[in-house]
Each structure stands twice: as C-alpha cells, then as structure tokens.
Amino acid sequence: MKRYTHHAAPLLAGILLGLTSRVGAGASDRIELAGDVLQYLLPATAAGLTLGYKDGEGALQFGESAVLTLGVTYGLKYSIDEKRPNGRRHSFPSGHSSISFSSAEFMRKRYGWEYGIPAYAAASFVAYSRVEAREHHPHDVIAGASIGIVSSCIFTRRYKGWDIEPEVDGMAAPLPSSTTTLCGSILKNLDAQPFEGKKPPLRPGQKALTSPHV
C-alpha cells in the first residue's frame, strides 16, 4: 500500500502544473477557478493519504485540524466582518487559504516533505488566486494560512506506521511500529519479573545451596 501512496505527491504536483499551464496572462477568472479546484483537492488528497496508509490515527488528527481551522476562520469572519476588495462582506480571514494550508501542513508533518512541497505550492497558489480575483486582501490570505498551519501543528504527529521492514521470502514486509513497541514492552516486563519464590534451574554439576537452620 505504501508504494501506491508514493504516487500522490507527483500526482498533486502534476495537477498543479496542469491547472496553472492553462491559465493565460490576465485570465483572473481561470486563476480563480484553479484556486477553487485546489481548495477541495488539497483536503481530499490529505484524506486520501490517510486511507492509503490505513492511518486511522492520522485521519482523526486531520479531522481535528480541519475542525479547528474552519471554526477559527469562520468565527473571525463573522465577528470582524471586513469588506472584500470587491465590496462584499466577510473578507478576513481567507477560508480558501486556511483549509488549503491546514491540509498542506498536515501532509508535510504527518508524511514528510515528499508530500509537503507540492502541497505547499498548491496552497500558495490558492492564496494567490484569492488576491488576484479580488476576493481577499493580502493580509486575509496570510492570516488564513497562519490559522491553517498552526491548527495542523497542534494536532498532527509524525506517521510511524512502517518503521521496520523484515524480509519474507525475499520481499520487504513492513510491520507497524506498534508491533515492535508491544514486543519490546513484553520482553522488558519478562526481564524485570522476579522468580516469586521459585529457584532458578541448576546448571550441570552445580549443587543446590541450602540455608542453615536456626
């Protein structure tokens, strides 16, 4: 399963290049459309990685990050109610930017820079598209990005599901790190167990020691 998830990073980068290559100079409507698509593609990719890795803990962490991101973002939107450059309401902070950068930071912190670099590039394009389309001021997207990144930093932990890869019939067979942790704990407990009144077995030629009677 791990080898299939490795295709997610180049796929995300390819989609980003494909979207941007179709955008001509001054085509703000296409830039906005590409940003709208990436806004949904980034969290979908993050969720897809948790499924690909069968990472239930990661899915929970991403869900918590997304809930905090959206809660803070829309709480500020409706409490501050700043006007957008196009005259509409609820400009600060940018919701597109917050969820995009939350997804990007989750992928980076959970699964590494292999996913983080294209994800951050896509999130940055989303932020740019919102300013280009006159939907947000620059400080709106900066605030949104900060909210998303901090939210994912709070909840996300490094994925350690495939730490060892013993060979089975010449093929690598990854095992969850929880297995090694459990085995290590059991062995440690066995080493620390007292004999509880039982005498250790005698070696060949060794005589039993008896305590003198008082």
Foldseek 3Di string as FASTA:
>chain_A
DVVVLLVLLVVLLVLLVVQVVPDDPPNLVSLQVLLVVLLVVLVVNLCVSCVVVVPPLLNVLLVQLQVQLVVVQVVCQVVVFDAFQVGHTSAAADPSLQSLLLSLLSCCAAPHVSNNVSSVVSSVSSLVSCVSNRSYDNVNNVVSNVSSNVSSVVRHHYHQQFPDFDDDPNDTDTGGVVVVVVVVVVVVVVVVDDPVPDDDDDDVPDDDDDDDDD
